[in-house]
Amino acid sequence: MAFDRPGEQVTSPWAARVRLLLFLLGVLLLVYLVHRADPARVLATARAGLVYLPLLALCNGAFFVFEAYGQRSLLGEAGARIPQLVFVRTTLAAYVAGTLLPIGRAGAEVARIATYSPYVGGARAAAASAAFQVPALWGTAIFGTLCAMAAAAQLGPGSQLTWILLAHALGSLGLGVLLYLVLRRAALGHQVSRFFPSLAERAASFDAAAIVPTRLYWGAVGWCLLARAVEIAQFALALAAVGLIPTPTRATLAAGVQIVGATVGEAIPGQLGAVEAAFAYFAPALGLGEQAAHAVTMPLLVRVAQFGLAALALLASSPWLPRLGPKTPLTSE
């Protein structure tokens, strides 16, 4: 919990090797899914949907921006110290880190903490990053419940997808409540300091900063739900890209399938292969029947749009990366 060095020791060599292995397994799974669906059909379906890539990229970017506003809102009045231009640059850098680096979302959080620390203090920046997991989980629980209701209406209350989505929503709610209680009781940093006494002072600062007013949490939940609404729009476009009618129910179900795949493949960088496997498995629930090529192509188009946007963000943000912070940083808060 070295808040003054947020970019240090993000991952150990052993963890990096494990993630590389998982990434290779994800690649193999993706290759298998494309092979099973017929590469020629997947390619033909993807070519027909390329016109939708800019809109898919726009939705993907909007999702990330809304989440970035949600996290900044947890800083309260201190968030106003972060210049808008720095916020934009940081969001671009975090998107690149979260999409292109093997450490995924952790890389995005490291980028935010490193850039926000000079303006709001390292402890507060790290606490906001940790605390944002609470509204993110609550937003996922609300959204997952909506997806479960759509599955129940479309497939029946006893369908496998309905129960999986409902279980995911309840699990997200439970984890969010648990983390909220831990942060409210100022226990996270304290527990860390028990094992690492040298970090006691920083851990105490973290615990103090982590006691975020509840009203700020609900504001952040609102931003997370806006991001999820954009995700439904994204999958409505993905459905249209493969030649299907993007009804609200079907788009909501597709977003729910994406949640399932991303959760199962959480340990795989970018959830590569896991999301595509979830779409292939739940193809009948989306009304695809035996159209495996359509099921695999949908998440692939979303993934291509995501990586394309990340490449553009990298080009846009790289000239600014060395000078994101002010010349005289705040060392503590």
Protein backbone atom coordinates (compact mmCIF):
# COMPACT_ATOMS: atom_id res chain seq x y z
CA MET A 1 0.00 0.00 0.00
CA ALA A 2 2.82 2.39 -0.93
CA PHE A 3 0.65 5.30 -1.91
CA ASP A 4 3.53 7.58 -2.85
CA ARG A 5 4.72 5.01 -5.42
CA PRO A 6 1.46 3.80 -7.00
CA GLY A 7 3.11 2.41 -10.10
CA GLU A 8 5.65 0.24 -8.31
CA GLN A 9 5.41 -3.55 -8.13
CA VAL A 10 2.11 -3.82 -9.99
CA THR A 11 2.73 -7.48 -10.61
CA SER A 12 5.42 -10.01 -9.69
CA PRO A 13 7.34 -12.02 -12.28
CA TRP A 14 5.48 -15.15 -11.13
CA ALA A 15 2.08 -13.45 -11.54
CA ALA A 16 3.14 -12.14 -14.94
CA ARG A 17 3.97 -15.67 -16.09
CA VAL A 18 0.62 -16.94 -14.87
CA ARG A 19 -1.22 -14.17 -16.70
CA LEU A 20 0.76 -14.93 -19.86
CA LEU A 21 -0.24 -18.57 -19.59
CA LEU A 22 -3.89 -17.63 -19.09
CA PHE A 23 -3.68 -15.28 -22.06
CA LEU A 24 -2.33 -18.07 -24.26
CA LEU A 25 -5.13 -20.37 -23.07
CA GLY A 26 -7.61 -17.62 -23.96
CA VAL A 27 -6.10 -17.36 -27.44
CA LEU A 28 -6.38 -21.11 -27.91
CA LEU A 29 -10.00 -21.07 -26.75
CA LEU A 30 -10.80 -18.25 -29.17
CA VAL A 31 -9.12 -20.07 -32.05
CA TYR A 32 -11.12 -23.19 -31.23
CA LEU A 33 -14.41 -21.25 -31.14
CA VAL A 34 -13.71 -19.60 -34.50
CA HIS A 35 -12.69 -22.94 -35.98
CA ARG A 36 -15.84 -24.62 -34.73
CA ALA A 37 -18.02 -21.80 -36.06
CA ASP A 38 -16.29 -21.95 -39.49
CA PRO A 39 -13.64 -19.22 -40.01
CA ALA A 40 -15.01 -18.32 -43.45
CA ARG A 41 -18.49 -17.63 -42.03
CA VAL A 42 -17.09 -15.67 -39.10
CA LEU A 43 -14.99 -13.55 -41.48
CA ALA A 44 -17.95 -12.93 -43.80
CA THR A 45 -20.19 -11.95 -40.89
CA ALA A 46 -17.50 -9.65 -39.48
CA ARG A 47 -16.94 -7.94 -42.82
CA ALA A 48 -20.65 -7.16 -43.10
CA GLY A 49 -20.57 -5.56 -39.65
CA LEU A 50 -17.43 -3.45 -40.02
CA VAL A 51 -19.52 -0.36 -40.73
CA TYR A 52 -20.70 -0.48 -37.12
CA LEU A 53 -17.18 -0.35 -35.65
CA PRO A 54 -17.10 3.45 -35.09
CA LEU A 55 -20.39 3.33 -33.17
CA LEU A 56 -19.25 0.32 -31.16
CA ALA A 57 -16.03 2.16 -30.30
CA LEU A 58 -18.03 5.24 -29.28
CA CYS A 59 -20.17 3.17 -26.92
CA ASN A 60 -17.10 1.48 -25.46
CA GLY A 61 -15.46 4.83 -24.84
CA ALA A 62 -18.63 6.27 -23.28
CA PHE A 63 -18.83 3.31 -20.89
CA PHE A 64 -15.29 3.98 -19.67
CA VAL A 65 -15.81 7.75 -19.42
CA PHE A 66 -18.95 7.34 -17.30
CA GLU A 67 -17.07 5.02 -14.96
CA ALA A 68 -14.23 7.56 -14.77
CA TYR A 69 -16.68 10.28 -13.73
CA GLY A 70 -18.12 7.88 -11.16
CA GLN A 71 -14.73 7.31 -9.59
CA ARG A 72 -13.87 11.00 -9.56
CA SER A 73 -17.19 11.76 -7.87
CA LEU A 74 -16.01 9.73 -4.85
CA LEU A 75 -13.28 12.32 -4.29
CA GLY A 76 -15.97 14.81 -3.32
CA GLU A 77 -14.84 18.42 -3.23
CA ALA A 78 -11.22 17.31 -3.65
CA GLY A 79 -12.09 16.14 -7.15
CA ALA A 80 -12.42 19.77 -8.22
CA ARG A 81 -8.66 20.16 -7.76
CA ILE A 82 -8.07 17.90 -10.75
CA PRO A 83 -8.02 20.09 -13.90
CA GLN A 84 -10.46 18.97 -16.56
CA LEU A 85 -7.70 18.56 -19.13
CA VAL A 86 -5.74 16.34 -16.73
CA PHE A 87 -8.90 14.30 -16.15
CA VAL A 88 -9.32 13.81 -19.89
CA ARG A 89 -5.69 12.85 -20.38
CA THR A 90 -5.80 10.48 -17.41
CA THR A 91 -8.97 8.83 -18.70
CA LEU A 92 -7.28 8.24 -22.04
CA ALA A 93 -4.18 6.80 -20.37
CA ALA A 94 -6.27 4.61 -18.05
CA TYR A 95 -8.29 3.29 -20.99
CA VAL A 96 -5.09 2.37 -22.81
CA ALA A 97 -3.67 0.68 -19.71
CA GLY A 98 -6.87 -1.21 -18.97
CA THR A 99 -7.25 -2.42 -22.56
CA LEU A 100 -3.74 -3.05 -23.82
CA LEU A 101 -1.72 -3.99 -20.72
CA PRO A 102 -1.78 -7.58 -19.42
CA ILE A 103 -2.79 -6.44 -15.92
CA GLY A 104 -6.09 -5.11 -17.29
CA ARG A 105 -8.30 -3.05 -14.98
CA ALA A 106 -5.57 -2.90 -12.34
CA GLY A 107 -3.44 -1.03 -14.86
CA ALA A 108 -6.18 1.55 -15.35
CA GLU A 109 -6.45 2.07 -11.58
CA VAL A 110 -2.68 2.46 -11.24
CA ALA A 111 -2.72 5.09 -14.00
CA ARG A 112 -5.48 7.04 -12.24
CA ILE A 113 -3.88 6.88 -8.81
CA ALA A 114 -0.49 7.95 -10.16
CA THR A 115 -1.97 10.98 -11.92
CA TYR A 116 -4.52 12.06 -9.32
CA SER A 117 -2.12 11.76 -6.37
CA PRO A 118 -0.30 15.07 -6.99
CA TYR A 119 -3.64 16.92 -6.84
CA VAL A 120 -5.56 15.15 -4.08
CA GLY A 121 -2.90 13.15 -2.22
CA GLY A 122 -1.86 9.54 -2.64
CA ALA A 123 -4.01 8.15 0.17
CA ARG A 124 -7.19 9.79 -1.09
CA ALA A 125 -6.54 8.77 -4.70
CA ALA A 126 -5.93 5.15 -3.65
CA ALA A 127 -8.98 5.18 -1.35
CA ALA A 128 -11.22 6.48 -4.15
CA SER A 129 -9.95 3.71 -6.40
CA ALA A 130 -10.75 1.07 -3.78
CA ALA A 131 -14.06 2.64 -2.79
CA PHE A 132 -15.25 2.79 -6.40
CA GLN A 133 -15.52 -0.98 -6.38
CA VAL A 134 -18.54 -0.55 -4.08
CA PRO A 135 -20.76 1.43 -6.49
CA ALA A 136 -19.39 -0.62 -9.39
CA LEU A 137 -20.59 -3.80 -7.66
CA TRP A 138 -23.92 -2.24 -6.68
CA GLY A 139 -24.45 -0.99 -10.22
CA THR A 140 -23.62 -4.45 -11.54
CA ALA A 141 -26.12 -5.96 -9.10
CA ILE A 142 -28.90 -3.64 -10.27
CA PHE A 143 -28.02 -4.20 -13.90
CA GLY A 144 -27.70 -7.95 -13.42
CA THR A 145 -31.17 -8.03 -11.89
CA LEU A 146 -32.51 -6.22 -14.95
CA CYS A 147 -30.79 -8.77 -17.20
CA ALA A 148 -32.23 -11.63 -15.11
CA MET A 149 -35.71 -10.14 -15.50
CA ALA A 150 -35.21 -9.93 -19.26
CA ALA A 151 -34.05 -13.56 -19.32
CA ALA A 152 -37.05 -14.64 -17.26
CA ALA A 153 -39.42 -12.80 -19.61
CA GLN A 154 -37.77 -14.18 -22.75
CA LEU A 155 -36.70 -17.67 -21.67
CA GLY A 156 -38.77 -18.37 -18.59
CA PRO A 157 -38.07 -18.02 -14.84
CA GLY A 158 -36.46 -21.46 -14.70
CA SER A 159 -33.95 -20.93 -17.50
CA GLN A 160 -30.27 -21.46 -16.83
CA LEU A 161 -29.32 -17.93 -17.89
CA THR A 162 -31.96 -16.42 -15.60
CA TRP A 163 -30.56 -18.16 -12.54
CA ILE A 164 -26.94 -17.47 -13.45
CA LEU A 165 -27.65 -13.76 -13.85
CA LEU A 166 -29.65 -13.67 -10.63
CA ALA A 167 -26.87 -15.42 -8.73
CA HIS A 168 -24.34 -13.01 -10.20
CA ALA A 169 -26.47 -10.03 -9.15
CA LEU A 170 -26.83 -11.32 -5.59
CA GLY A 171 -23.11 -12.09 -5.39
CA SER A 172 -22.22 -8.58 -6.62
CA LEU A 173 -24.59 -7.04 -4.08
CA GLY A 174 -23.13 -9.10 -1.26
CA LEU A 175 -19.53 -8.27 -2.17
CA GLY A 176 -20.41 -4.59 -2.51
CA VAL A 177 -22.06 -4.47 0.91
CA LEU A 178 -19.13 -6.33 2.49
CA LEU A 179 -16.57 -3.96 0.99
CA TYR A 180 -18.70 -0.96 2.00
CA LEU A 181 -18.74 -2.15 5.63
CA VAL A 182 -15.01 -2.84 5.61
CA LEU A 183 -14.23 0.64 4.29
CA ARG A 184 -16.72 2.34 6.62
CA ARG A 185 -15.12 0.66 9.61
CA ALA A 186 -11.68 1.83 8.49
CA ALA A 187 -10.48 -1.78 8.61
CA LEU A 188 -8.75 -2.40 5.29
CA GLY A 189 -5.61 -0.37 5.87
CA HIS A 190 -5.54 -1.45 9.51
CA GLN A 191 -5.50 -5.11 8.52
CA VAL A 192 -2.69 -4.48 6.05
CA SER A 193 -0.63 -2.66 8.69
CA ARG A 194 -0.86 -5.71 10.97
CA PHE A 195 1.20 -7.68 8.47
CA PHE A 196 3.35 -4.76 7.29
CA PRO A 197 4.01 -2.47 10.29
CA SER A 198 6.18 -0.15 8.19
CA LEU A 199 3.04 0.87 6.27
CA ALA A 200 1.04 1.75 9.40
CA GLU A 201 1.08 5.52 8.83
CA ARG A 202 0.09 5.25 5.17
CA ALA A 203 -2.54 2.64 6.01
CA ALA A 204 -4.07 4.97 8.59
CA SER A 205 -4.22 7.75 6.01
CA PHE A 206 -5.87 5.36 3.57
CA ASP A 207 -8.50 4.32 6.13
CA ALA A 208 -9.32 7.92 6.94
CA ALA A 209 -9.72 8.78 3.26
CA ALA A 210 -11.75 5.63 2.57
CA ILE A 211 -14.67 6.73 4.76
CA VAL A 212 -16.63 8.17 1.83
CA PRO A 213 -20.05 9.77 2.53
CA THR A 214 -22.88 7.47 1.48
CA ARG A 215 -24.41 10.15 -0.77
CA LEU A 216 -21.25 10.07 -2.88
CA TYR A 217 -21.64 6.33 -3.32
CA TRP A 218 -25.15 6.72 -4.72
CA GLY A 219 -23.95 9.38 -7.13
CA ALA A 220 -21.25 6.99 -8.34
CA VAL A 221 -23.87 4.23 -8.70
CA GLY A 222 -25.77 6.56 -11.05
CA TRP A 223 -22.68 6.94 -13.23
CA CYS A 224 -22.19 3.15 -13.26
CA LEU A 225 -25.80 2.60 -14.35
CA LEU A 226 -25.31 5.13 -17.17
CA ALA A 227 -22.30 3.08 -18.25
CA ARG A 228 -24.40 -0.09 -18.20
CA ALA A 229 -27.12 1.59 -20.26
CA VAL A 230 -24.48 2.39 -22.87
CA GLU A 231 -23.48 -1.27 -22.79
CA ILE A 232 -27.02 -2.26 -23.79
CA ALA A 233 -26.81 0.20 -26.69
CA GLN A 234 -23.46 -1.30 -27.65
CA PHE A 235 -24.87 -4.80 -27.90
CA ALA A 236 -27.93 -3.55 -29.76
CA LEU A 237 -25.45 -2.28 -32.35
CA ALA A 238 -23.55 -5.59 -32.23
CA LEU A 239 -26.77 -7.48 -32.91
CA ALA A 240 -27.51 -5.21 -35.87
CA ALA A 241 -23.92 -5.67 -37.09
CA VAL A 242 -24.47 -9.41 -37.53
CA GLY A 243 -27.85 -8.90 -39.22
CA LEU A 244 -30.19 -9.48 -36.26
CA ILE A 245 -33.09 -7.32 -35.06
CA PRO A 246 -31.82 -5.45 -31.96
CA THR A 247 -34.87 -5.56 -29.69
CA PRO A 248 -34.43 -4.10 -26.16
CA THR A 249 -34.86 -7.54 -24.57
CA ARG A 250 -32.34 -9.23 -26.85
CA ALA A 251 -29.80 -6.41 -26.38
CA THR A 252 -30.22 -6.65 -22.58
CA LEU A 253 -29.75 -10.42 -22.74
CA ALA A 254 -26.59 -9.97 -24.83
CA ALA A 255 -25.21 -7.54 -22.24
CA GLY A 256 -26.04 -10.09 -19.55
CA VAL A 257 -24.18 -12.83 -21.44
CA GLN A 258 -21.20 -10.49 -21.66
CA ILE A 259 -21.27 -10.08 -17.86
CA VAL A 260 -21.27 -13.84 -17.41
CA GLY A 261 -18.36 -14.34 -19.81
CA ALA A 262 -16.34 -11.51 -18.30
CA THR A 263 -16.85 -12.91 -14.79
CA VAL A 264 -15.89 -16.45 -15.74
CA GLY A 265 -12.81 -15.17 -17.58
CA GLU A 266 -11.85 -12.53 -15.01
CA ALA A 267 -8.38 -14.03 -14.58
CA ILE A 268 -7.71 -14.00 -18.34
CA PRO A 269 -6.30 -10.71 -19.69
CA GLY A 270 -9.15 -9.00 -21.51
CA GLN A 271 -11.34 -12.06 -20.80
CA LEU A 272 -10.08 -13.25 -24.19
CA GLY A 273 -11.97 -16.32 -25.34
CA ALA A 274 -14.19 -16.45 -22.24
CA VAL A 275 -16.67 -13.83 -23.48
CA GLU A 276 -16.81 -15.42 -26.93
CA ALA A 277 -17.36 -18.83 -25.31
CA ALA A 278 -20.26 -17.44 -23.27
CA PHE A 279 -21.92 -16.07 -26.41
CA ALA A 280 -21.43 -19.39 -28.22
CA TYR A 281 -22.91 -21.31 -25.28
CA PHE A 282 -25.92 -19.00 -24.87
CA ALA A 283 -26.53 -18.55 -28.61
CA PRO A 284 -29.99 -20.19 -28.40
CA ALA A 285 -31.00 -17.78 -25.61
CA LEU A 286 -30.21 -14.88 -27.96
CA GLY A 287 -32.32 -16.40 -30.71
CA LEU A 288 -29.31 -17.47 -32.75
CA GLY A 289 -30.09 -21.16 -32.76
CA GLU A 290 -27.20 -22.92 -34.47
CA GLN A 291 -25.73 -19.71 -35.92
CA ALA A 292 -22.43 -20.11 -34.10
CA ALA A 293 -20.66 -17.69 -36.45
CA HIS A 294 -23.01 -14.86 -35.44
CA ALA A 295 -22.59 -15.66 -31.75
CA VAL A 296 -18.79 -15.55 -31.94
CA THR A 297 -18.66 -12.54 -34.26
CA MET A 298 -20.67 -10.23 -31.99
CA PRO A 299 -18.15 -10.10 -29.12
CA LEU A 300 -15.29 -10.14 -31.63
CA LEU A 301 -16.58 -6.96 -33.27
CA VAL A 302 -16.91 -5.34 -29.84
CA ARG A 303 -13.35 -6.42 -29.04
CA VAL A 304 -11.97 -5.05 -32.32
CA ALA A 305 -13.70 -1.73 -31.66
CA GLN A 306 -12.25 -1.67 -28.15
CA PHE A 307 -8.69 -2.29 -29.29
CA GLY A 308 -9.06 0.18 -32.15
CA LEU A 309 -10.21 2.89 -29.75
CA ALA A 310 -7.38 2.03 -27.36
CA ALA A 311 -4.87 2.45 -30.19
CA LEU A 312 -6.30 5.88 -31.01
CA ALA A 313 -6.27 6.83 -27.32
CA LEU A 314 -2.63 5.76 -27.10
CA LEU A 315 -1.72 8.01 -30.01
CA ALA A 316 -3.68 10.89 -28.49
CA SER A 317 -2.33 10.55 -24.96
CA SER A 318 1.31 9.54 -25.47
CA PRO A 319 2.65 13.11 -25.96
CA TRP A 320 1.09 14.14 -22.63
CA LEU A 321 2.03 11.21 -20.42
CA PRO A 322 5.30 12.66 -19.02
CA ARG A 323 3.61 15.88 -17.88
CA LEU A 324 0.29 14.85 -16.42
CA GLY A 325 0.98 16.10 -12.90
CA PRO A 326 1.80 19.57 -11.55
CA LYS A 327 5.38 20.58 -10.85
CA THR A 328 4.83 20.67 -7.09
CA PRO A 329 2.93 17.57 -6.03
CA LEU A 330 1.08 17.10 -2.78
CA THR A 331 2.97 14.50 -0.80
CA SER A 332 0.27 13.54 1.67
CA GLU A 333 -3.34 13.97 2.60
